[in-house]
N, C-alpha and C. Protein backbone atom coordinates (compact mmCIF):
# COMPACT_ATOMS: atom_id res chain seq x y z
N MET A 1 0.46 -42.81 -126.41
CA MET A 1 -0.82 -42.54 -125.77
C MET A 1 -0.81 -41.11 -125.22
N LYS A 2 -1.80 -40.32 -125.64
CA LYS A 2 -1.95 -38.96 -125.14
C LYS A 2 -2.79 -38.98 -123.87
N ILE A 3 -2.27 -38.36 -122.83
CA ILE A 3 -2.99 -38.31 -121.56
C ILE A 3 -3.36 -36.85 -121.28
N PRO A 4 -4.64 -36.60 -121.00
CA PRO A 4 -5.02 -35.21 -120.70
C PRO A 4 -4.38 -34.73 -119.40
N VAL A 5 -4.04 -33.44 -119.37
CA VAL A 5 -3.50 -32.85 -118.16
C VAL A 5 -4.62 -32.30 -117.28
N ASP A 6 -5.81 -32.16 -117.88
CA ASP A 6 -6.98 -31.70 -117.13
C ASP A 6 -8.24 -32.14 -117.86
N ILE A 7 -9.32 -32.29 -117.11
CA ILE A 7 -10.62 -32.62 -117.68
C ILE A 7 -11.63 -31.70 -117.01
N ALA A 8 -12.49 -31.09 -117.82
CA ALA A 8 -13.50 -30.18 -117.27
C ALA A 8 -14.87 -30.50 -117.86
N LEU A 9 -15.90 -30.36 -117.01
CA LEU A 9 -17.28 -30.50 -117.47
C LEU A 9 -17.85 -29.11 -117.71
N HIS A 10 -18.43 -28.92 -118.87
CA HIS A 10 -19.11 -27.66 -119.19
C HIS A 10 -20.60 -28.00 -119.29
N LYS A 11 -21.28 -27.88 -118.15
CA LYS A 11 -22.67 -28.33 -118.03
C LYS A 11 -23.62 -27.59 -118.98
N LYS A 12 -23.48 -26.28 -119.10
CA LYS A 12 -24.41 -25.51 -119.95
C LYS A 12 -24.29 -25.93 -121.41
N ARG A 13 -23.07 -26.16 -121.87
CA ARG A 13 -22.85 -26.57 -123.27
C ARG A 13 -22.96 -28.08 -123.45
N ARG A 14 -23.06 -28.79 -122.31
CA ARG A 14 -23.10 -30.26 -122.33
C ARG A 14 -21.87 -30.83 -123.06
N GLU A 15 -20.70 -30.38 -122.63
CA GLU A 15 -19.45 -30.84 -123.24
C GLU A 15 -18.43 -31.21 -122.18
N LEU A 16 -17.66 -32.24 -122.50
CA LEU A 16 -16.51 -32.63 -121.69
C LEU A 16 -15.28 -32.08 -122.40
N GLU A 17 -14.47 -31.35 -121.66
CA GLU A 17 -13.24 -30.78 -122.24
C GLU A 17 -12.05 -31.60 -121.77
N LEU A 18 -11.30 -32.10 -122.73
CA LEU A 18 -10.05 -32.79 -122.45
C LEU A 18 -8.92 -31.83 -122.80
N VAL A 19 -8.12 -31.47 -121.79
CA VAL A 19 -7.04 -30.52 -122.01
C VAL A 19 -5.73 -31.30 -122.11
N TYR A 20 -5.10 -31.18 -123.26
CA TYR A 20 -3.81 -31.82 -123.50
C TYR A 20 -2.73 -30.75 -123.51
N GLU A 21 -1.46 -31.17 -123.43
CA GLU A 21 -0.37 -30.20 -123.43
C GLU A 21 -0.36 -29.37 -124.70
N ASP A 22 -0.87 -29.95 -125.81
CA ASP A 22 -0.85 -29.22 -127.09
C ASP A 22 -2.21 -28.62 -127.46
N GLY A 23 -3.14 -28.56 -126.51
CA GLY A 23 -4.44 -27.95 -126.80
C GLY A 23 -5.58 -28.71 -126.15
N ALA A 24 -6.78 -28.20 -126.34
CA ALA A 24 -7.97 -28.79 -125.72
C ALA A 24 -8.95 -29.28 -126.78
N VAL A 25 -9.74 -30.29 -126.41
CA VAL A 25 -10.76 -30.86 -127.29
C VAL A 25 -12.05 -30.98 -126.49
N ASN A 26 -13.16 -30.60 -127.11
CA ASN A 26 -14.47 -30.74 -126.47
C ASN A 26 -15.26 -31.83 -127.17
N LEU A 27 -15.88 -32.69 -126.36
CA LEU A 27 -16.76 -33.75 -126.89
C LEU A 27 -18.10 -33.61 -126.18
N SER A 28 -19.18 -33.69 -126.95
CA SER A 28 -20.51 -33.52 -126.35
C SER A 28 -20.84 -34.71 -125.46
N PHE A 29 -21.63 -34.43 -124.42
CA PHE A 29 -22.09 -35.50 -123.52
C PHE A 29 -22.84 -36.56 -124.32
N GLU A 30 -23.68 -36.10 -125.25
CA GLU A 30 -24.47 -37.04 -126.06
C GLU A 30 -23.57 -37.97 -126.86
N PHE A 31 -22.56 -37.39 -127.52
CA PHE A 31 -21.62 -38.21 -128.30
C PHE A 31 -20.94 -39.24 -127.41
N LEU A 32 -20.46 -38.81 -126.25
CA LEU A 32 -19.79 -39.73 -125.34
C LEU A 32 -20.75 -40.82 -124.85
N ARG A 33 -22.00 -40.46 -124.62
CA ARG A 33 -22.97 -41.45 -124.13
C ARG A 33 -23.29 -42.49 -125.19
N VAL A 34 -23.55 -42.04 -126.42
CA VAL A 34 -23.93 -43.00 -127.46
C VAL A 34 -22.75 -43.83 -127.94
N MET A 35 -21.53 -43.34 -127.69
CA MET A 35 -20.31 -44.08 -128.07
C MET A 35 -19.68 -44.79 -126.88
N SER A 36 -20.43 -44.95 -125.80
CA SER A 36 -19.89 -45.61 -124.61
C SER A 36 -19.23 -46.93 -124.98
N PRO A 37 -18.04 -47.17 -124.44
CA PRO A 37 -17.34 -48.42 -124.75
C PRO A 37 -17.88 -49.62 -123.97
N SER A 38 -18.94 -49.45 -123.20
CA SER A 38 -19.45 -50.54 -122.37
C SER A 38 -20.05 -51.66 -123.22
N ALA A 39 -20.03 -52.87 -122.70
CA ALA A 39 -20.66 -54.01 -123.36
C ALA A 39 -22.17 -53.79 -123.48
N GLU A 40 -22.73 -53.05 -122.54
CA GLU A 40 -24.16 -52.73 -122.53
C GLU A 40 -24.56 -51.97 -123.81
N VAL A 41 -23.65 -51.15 -124.34
CA VAL A 41 -23.90 -50.36 -125.54
C VAL A 41 -23.30 -51.05 -126.77
N GLN A 42 -22.03 -51.41 -126.69
CA GLN A 42 -21.31 -51.97 -127.84
C GLN A 42 -21.60 -53.44 -128.07
N GLY A 43 -22.04 -54.14 -127.03
CA GLY A 43 -22.21 -55.58 -127.12
C GLY A 43 -20.84 -56.25 -127.10
N HIS A 44 -20.84 -57.57 -127.17
CA HIS A 44 -19.57 -58.30 -127.21
C HIS A 44 -19.12 -58.50 -128.65
N THR A 45 -20.06 -58.28 -129.59
CA THR A 45 -19.77 -58.30 -131.02
C THR A 45 -20.54 -57.14 -131.64
N PRO A 46 -20.16 -56.69 -132.84
CA PRO A 46 -20.89 -55.58 -133.46
C PRO A 46 -22.38 -55.88 -133.63
N GLU A 47 -22.74 -57.14 -133.84
CA GLU A 47 -24.15 -57.51 -134.01
C GLU A 47 -24.96 -57.30 -132.73
N GLU A 48 -24.29 -57.32 -131.59
CA GLU A 48 -24.97 -57.16 -130.30
C GLU A 48 -25.09 -55.69 -129.88
N ALA A 49 -24.51 -54.78 -130.64
CA ALA A 49 -24.56 -53.36 -130.27
C ALA A 49 -26.01 -52.90 -130.15
N VAL A 50 -26.27 -52.02 -129.18
CA VAL A 50 -27.63 -51.52 -128.93
C VAL A 50 -27.67 -50.05 -129.33
N LEU A 51 -28.55 -49.74 -130.30
CA LEU A 51 -28.69 -48.35 -130.76
C LEU A 51 -29.18 -47.49 -129.60
N GLN A 52 -28.47 -46.42 -129.32
CA GLN A 52 -28.82 -45.52 -128.24
C GLN A 52 -29.72 -44.42 -128.79
N VAL A 53 -30.89 -44.26 -128.21
CA VAL A 53 -31.87 -43.30 -128.70
C VAL A 53 -32.23 -42.30 -127.61
N GLY A 54 -32.67 -41.10 -128.03
CA GLY A 54 -33.17 -40.10 -127.09
C GLY A 54 -32.15 -39.55 -126.13
N LYS A 55 -30.89 -39.47 -126.54
CA LYS A 55 -29.83 -39.05 -125.60
C LYS A 55 -29.38 -37.60 -125.78
N ARG A 56 -30.12 -36.80 -126.58
CA ARG A 56 -29.67 -35.44 -126.89
C ARG A 56 -29.45 -34.59 -125.63
N LEU A 57 -30.24 -34.78 -124.60
CA LEU A 57 -30.16 -33.92 -123.41
C LEU A 57 -29.46 -34.59 -122.23
N VAL A 58 -28.79 -35.71 -122.46
CA VAL A 58 -28.13 -36.42 -121.36
C VAL A 58 -27.01 -35.55 -120.75
N ASP A 59 -26.84 -35.67 -119.46
CA ASP A 59 -25.77 -34.96 -118.75
C ASP A 59 -24.76 -35.95 -118.21
N ILE A 60 -23.56 -35.47 -117.95
CA ILE A 60 -22.58 -36.24 -117.19
C ILE A 60 -22.66 -35.72 -115.76
N THR A 61 -22.94 -36.63 -114.83
CA THR A 61 -23.11 -36.22 -113.44
C THR A 61 -21.89 -36.54 -112.59
N GLY A 62 -20.95 -37.31 -113.13
CA GLY A 62 -19.75 -37.62 -112.38
C GLY A 62 -18.66 -38.21 -113.27
N ILE A 63 -17.43 -38.05 -112.81
CA ILE A 63 -16.27 -38.63 -113.50
C ILE A 63 -15.41 -39.27 -112.42
N GLU A 64 -15.04 -40.53 -112.65
CA GLU A 64 -14.16 -41.23 -111.70
C GLU A 64 -12.91 -41.69 -112.43
N LEU A 65 -11.77 -41.42 -111.84
CA LEU A 65 -10.51 -41.89 -112.40
C LEU A 65 -10.40 -43.40 -112.21
N VAL A 66 -9.97 -44.10 -113.25
CA VAL A 66 -9.77 -45.55 -113.20
C VAL A 66 -8.28 -45.78 -113.43
N GLY A 67 -7.55 -46.05 -112.35
CA GLY A 67 -6.11 -46.21 -112.46
C GLY A 67 -5.49 -44.99 -113.10
N ASN A 68 -4.44 -45.22 -113.91
CA ASN A 68 -3.79 -44.12 -114.63
C ASN A 68 -4.14 -44.13 -116.10
N TYR A 69 -5.12 -44.95 -116.48
CA TYR A 69 -5.34 -45.17 -117.90
C TYR A 69 -6.73 -44.77 -118.41
N ALA A 70 -7.66 -44.39 -117.53
CA ALA A 70 -9.03 -44.18 -117.99
C ALA A 70 -9.86 -43.40 -116.98
N VAL A 71 -11.08 -43.04 -117.41
CA VAL A 71 -12.09 -42.49 -116.51
C VAL A 71 -13.40 -43.23 -116.76
N ARG A 72 -14.21 -43.26 -115.72
CA ARG A 72 -15.57 -43.79 -115.86
C ARG A 72 -16.48 -42.58 -115.82
N LEU A 73 -17.34 -42.46 -116.82
CA LEU A 73 -18.28 -41.35 -116.88
C LEU A 73 -19.63 -41.84 -116.37
N ILE A 74 -20.25 -41.02 -115.52
CA ILE A 74 -21.55 -41.34 -114.96
C ILE A 74 -22.56 -40.37 -115.57
N PHE A 75 -23.58 -40.94 -116.21
CA PHE A 75 -24.55 -40.15 -116.96
C PHE A 75 -25.87 -40.03 -116.22
N SER A 76 -26.59 -38.97 -116.54
CA SER A 76 -27.87 -38.68 -115.87
C SER A 76 -28.94 -39.73 -116.15
N ASP A 77 -28.78 -40.55 -117.19
CA ASP A 77 -29.77 -41.59 -117.48
C ASP A 77 -29.45 -42.90 -116.75
N GLY A 78 -28.46 -42.86 -115.85
CA GLY A 78 -28.12 -44.04 -115.06
C GLY A 78 -27.00 -44.87 -115.64
N HIS A 79 -26.58 -44.58 -116.87
CA HIS A 79 -25.50 -45.36 -117.49
C HIS A 79 -24.18 -44.98 -116.83
N GLU A 80 -23.45 -46.02 -116.37
CA GLU A 80 -22.17 -45.74 -115.71
C GLU A 80 -21.17 -46.87 -115.88
N SER A 81 -21.40 -47.74 -116.86
CA SER A 81 -20.51 -48.90 -117.00
C SER A 81 -19.41 -48.72 -118.05
N GLY A 82 -19.37 -47.58 -118.70
CA GLY A 82 -18.34 -47.36 -119.72
C GLY A 82 -17.03 -46.87 -119.11
N ILE A 83 -15.95 -47.56 -119.44
CA ILE A 83 -14.61 -47.14 -119.02
C ILE A 83 -13.93 -46.53 -120.26
N TYR A 84 -13.70 -45.24 -120.21
CA TYR A 84 -13.13 -44.50 -121.34
C TYR A 84 -11.63 -44.38 -121.14
N SER A 85 -10.87 -45.22 -121.83
CA SER A 85 -9.40 -45.16 -121.72
C SER A 85 -8.89 -43.95 -122.49
N TRP A 86 -7.67 -43.54 -122.18
CA TRP A 86 -7.07 -42.41 -122.91
C TRP A 86 -7.00 -42.75 -124.40
N ASP A 87 -6.70 -44.00 -124.73
CA ASP A 87 -6.65 -44.43 -126.14
C ASP A 87 -8.03 -44.34 -126.78
N TYR A 88 -9.08 -44.71 -126.03
CA TYR A 88 -10.43 -44.65 -126.59
C TYR A 88 -10.83 -43.20 -126.86
N PHE A 89 -10.46 -42.28 -125.94
CA PHE A 89 -10.73 -40.86 -126.19
C PHE A 89 -10.04 -40.42 -127.49
N GLN A 90 -8.80 -40.87 -127.71
CA GLN A 90 -8.09 -40.50 -128.95
C GLN A 90 -8.85 -40.99 -130.17
N LYS A 91 -9.36 -42.20 -130.11
CA LYS A 91 -10.15 -42.74 -131.23
C LYS A 91 -11.38 -41.87 -131.45
N LEU A 92 -12.08 -41.51 -130.37
CA LEU A 92 -13.28 -40.69 -130.50
C LEU A 92 -12.96 -39.32 -131.09
N ILE A 93 -11.83 -38.76 -130.71
CA ILE A 93 -11.41 -37.45 -131.23
C ILE A 93 -11.05 -37.56 -132.71
N GLU A 94 -10.21 -38.54 -133.04
CA GLU A 94 -9.73 -38.68 -134.41
C GLU A 94 -10.83 -39.09 -135.38
N GLN A 95 -11.80 -39.87 -134.92
CA GLN A 95 -12.84 -40.38 -135.81
C GLN A 95 -14.21 -39.75 -135.53
N HIS A 96 -14.20 -38.61 -134.84
CA HIS A 96 -15.46 -37.99 -134.39
C HIS A 96 -16.49 -37.87 -135.50
N ASP A 97 -16.15 -37.22 -136.60
CA ASP A 97 -17.14 -36.95 -137.65
C ASP A 97 -17.66 -38.24 -138.26
N GLU A 98 -16.77 -39.17 -138.52
CA GLU A 98 -17.14 -40.46 -139.11
C GLU A 98 -18.09 -41.22 -138.16
N LEU A 99 -17.74 -41.29 -136.87
CA LEU A 99 -18.56 -42.00 -135.89
C LEU A 99 -19.91 -41.33 -135.70
N TRP A 100 -19.91 -39.99 -135.62
CA TRP A 100 -21.16 -39.26 -135.40
C TRP A 100 -22.09 -39.42 -136.60
N ASN A 101 -21.55 -39.30 -137.81
CA ASN A 101 -22.37 -39.45 -139.01
C ASN A 101 -22.93 -40.86 -139.12
N ALA A 102 -22.13 -41.87 -138.78
CA ALA A 102 -22.60 -43.26 -138.81
C ALA A 102 -23.74 -43.44 -137.80
N TYR A 103 -23.60 -42.84 -136.62
CA TYR A 103 -24.65 -42.91 -135.60
C TYR A 103 -25.93 -42.26 -136.11
N LEU A 104 -25.83 -41.06 -136.68
CA LEU A 104 -27.01 -40.36 -137.21
C LEU A 104 -27.66 -41.18 -138.32
N ASN A 105 -26.86 -41.81 -139.17
CA ASN A 105 -27.40 -42.67 -140.23
C ASN A 105 -28.12 -43.87 -139.64
N ASP A 106 -27.54 -44.49 -138.60
CA ASP A 106 -28.18 -45.64 -137.94
C ASP A 106 -29.53 -45.24 -137.34
N LEU A 107 -29.56 -44.06 -136.71
CA LEU A 107 -30.83 -43.56 -136.14
C LEU A 107 -31.87 -43.39 -137.25
N ALA A 108 -31.46 -42.74 -138.34
CA ALA A 108 -32.38 -42.48 -139.45
C ALA A 108 -32.90 -43.78 -140.05
N LYS A 109 -32.01 -44.74 -140.27
CA LYS A 109 -32.41 -46.04 -140.84
C LYS A 109 -33.41 -46.74 -139.94
N ALA A 110 -33.22 -46.60 -138.63
CA ALA A 110 -34.09 -47.27 -137.66
C ALA A 110 -35.39 -46.51 -137.42
N GLY A 111 -35.45 -45.27 -137.91
CA GLY A 111 -36.63 -44.45 -137.66
C GLY A 111 -36.69 -43.95 -136.23
N ALA A 112 -35.53 -43.87 -135.59
CA ALA A 112 -35.45 -43.43 -134.19
C ALA A 112 -34.94 -41.99 -134.14
N SER A 113 -34.83 -41.46 -132.93
CA SER A 113 -34.54 -40.04 -132.76
C SER A 113 -33.55 -39.79 -131.61
N ARG A 114 -32.88 -38.65 -131.70
CA ARG A 114 -32.00 -38.18 -130.61
C ARG A 114 -32.82 -37.57 -129.49
N GLU A 115 -34.06 -37.23 -129.77
CA GLU A 115 -34.90 -36.50 -128.82
C GLU A 115 -35.46 -37.40 -127.73
N PRO A 116 -35.31 -36.98 -126.48
CA PRO A 116 -35.91 -37.76 -125.39
C PRO A 116 -37.44 -37.72 -125.52
N ASN A 117 -38.09 -38.75 -125.08
CA ASN A 117 -39.56 -38.85 -125.08
C ASN A 117 -40.18 -38.88 -126.47
N ASP A 118 -39.38 -39.13 -127.50
CA ASP A 118 -39.94 -39.27 -128.85
C ASP A 118 -40.60 -40.64 -128.93
N PRO A 119 -41.88 -40.69 -129.29
CA PRO A 119 -42.57 -41.99 -129.36
C PRO A 119 -41.88 -42.98 -130.32
N ALA A 120 -41.18 -42.47 -131.32
CA ALA A 120 -40.48 -43.35 -132.27
C ALA A 120 -39.39 -44.18 -131.58
N ASN A 121 -38.95 -43.74 -130.41
CA ASN A 121 -37.86 -44.43 -129.70
C ASN A 121 -38.35 -45.59 -128.83
N LYS A 122 -39.65 -45.67 -128.58
CA LYS A 122 -40.19 -46.67 -127.65
C LYS A 122 -39.68 -48.09 -127.93
N PRO A 123 -39.74 -48.59 -129.18
CA PRO A 123 -39.29 -49.97 -129.42
C PRO A 123 -37.83 -50.21 -129.04
N PHE A 124 -37.00 -49.19 -129.17
CA PHE A 124 -35.57 -49.33 -128.87
C PHE A 124 -35.33 -49.27 -127.37
N GLU A 125 -36.10 -48.44 -126.69
CA GLU A 125 -35.97 -48.33 -125.24
C GLU A 125 -36.38 -49.63 -124.57
N GLU A 126 -37.40 -50.28 -125.09
CA GLU A 126 -37.85 -51.55 -124.53
C GLU A 126 -36.75 -52.61 -124.68
N LYS A 127 -36.10 -52.65 -125.85
CA LYS A 127 -35.04 -53.63 -126.10
C LYS A 127 -33.84 -53.41 -125.19
N ALA A 128 -33.56 -52.15 -124.89
CA ALA A 128 -32.36 -51.81 -124.11
C ALA A 128 -32.54 -52.10 -122.62
N LYS A 129 -33.78 -52.25 -122.15
CA LYS A 129 -34.03 -52.40 -120.72
C LYS A 129 -33.39 -53.62 -120.06
N PRO A 130 -33.57 -54.84 -120.59
CA PRO A 130 -33.08 -56.00 -119.85
C PRO A 130 -31.56 -55.94 -119.65
N LYS A 131 -31.17 -56.05 -118.41
CA LYS A 131 -29.74 -56.05 -118.09
C LYS A 131 -29.27 -57.50 -118.02
N HIS A 132 -28.16 -57.80 -118.68
CA HIS A 132 -27.62 -59.14 -118.57
C HIS A 132 -26.21 -59.07 -118.01
N LYS A 133 -25.89 -60.05 -117.28
CA LYS A 133 -24.55 -60.11 -116.70
C LYS A 133 -23.62 -60.75 -117.71
N CYS A 134 -22.42 -60.20 -117.84
CA CYS A 134 -21.42 -60.79 -118.72
C CYS A 134 -20.93 -62.08 -118.08
N SER A 135 -20.75 -63.10 -118.89
CA SER A 135 -20.36 -64.39 -118.32
C SER A 135 -18.97 -64.81 -118.76
N HIS A 136 -18.02 -63.87 -118.67
CA HIS A 136 -16.63 -64.26 -119.00
C HIS A 136 -15.66 -63.70 -118.04
């Protein structure tokens, strides 16, 4: 497991920088938001996953350390339930292009957009609203 020695927010570029002993990696806020490991986004099964729309301009407003194994990212759209483990960051880094392209394809298939306030996103935003409590 690779553990970053430092983490920095680059607000103007909307990127989170993970600094490792062997170099640094930048991940966009939007990518991190749409790939949130939370049940709210991923669901408990792949069929329950909720397509994230209109997140192009999302910001990270806070980072909280979770033990020695993860951070919780707090986003400007109110999403804060994703716990990003060091292993999950590695997966995101290693599979970045594949995951991002799959996300863009899912958006295109659904007729949705990365742009906030795009009317095409309305049906997806309505579906994402109801919050349910996990029962396990």
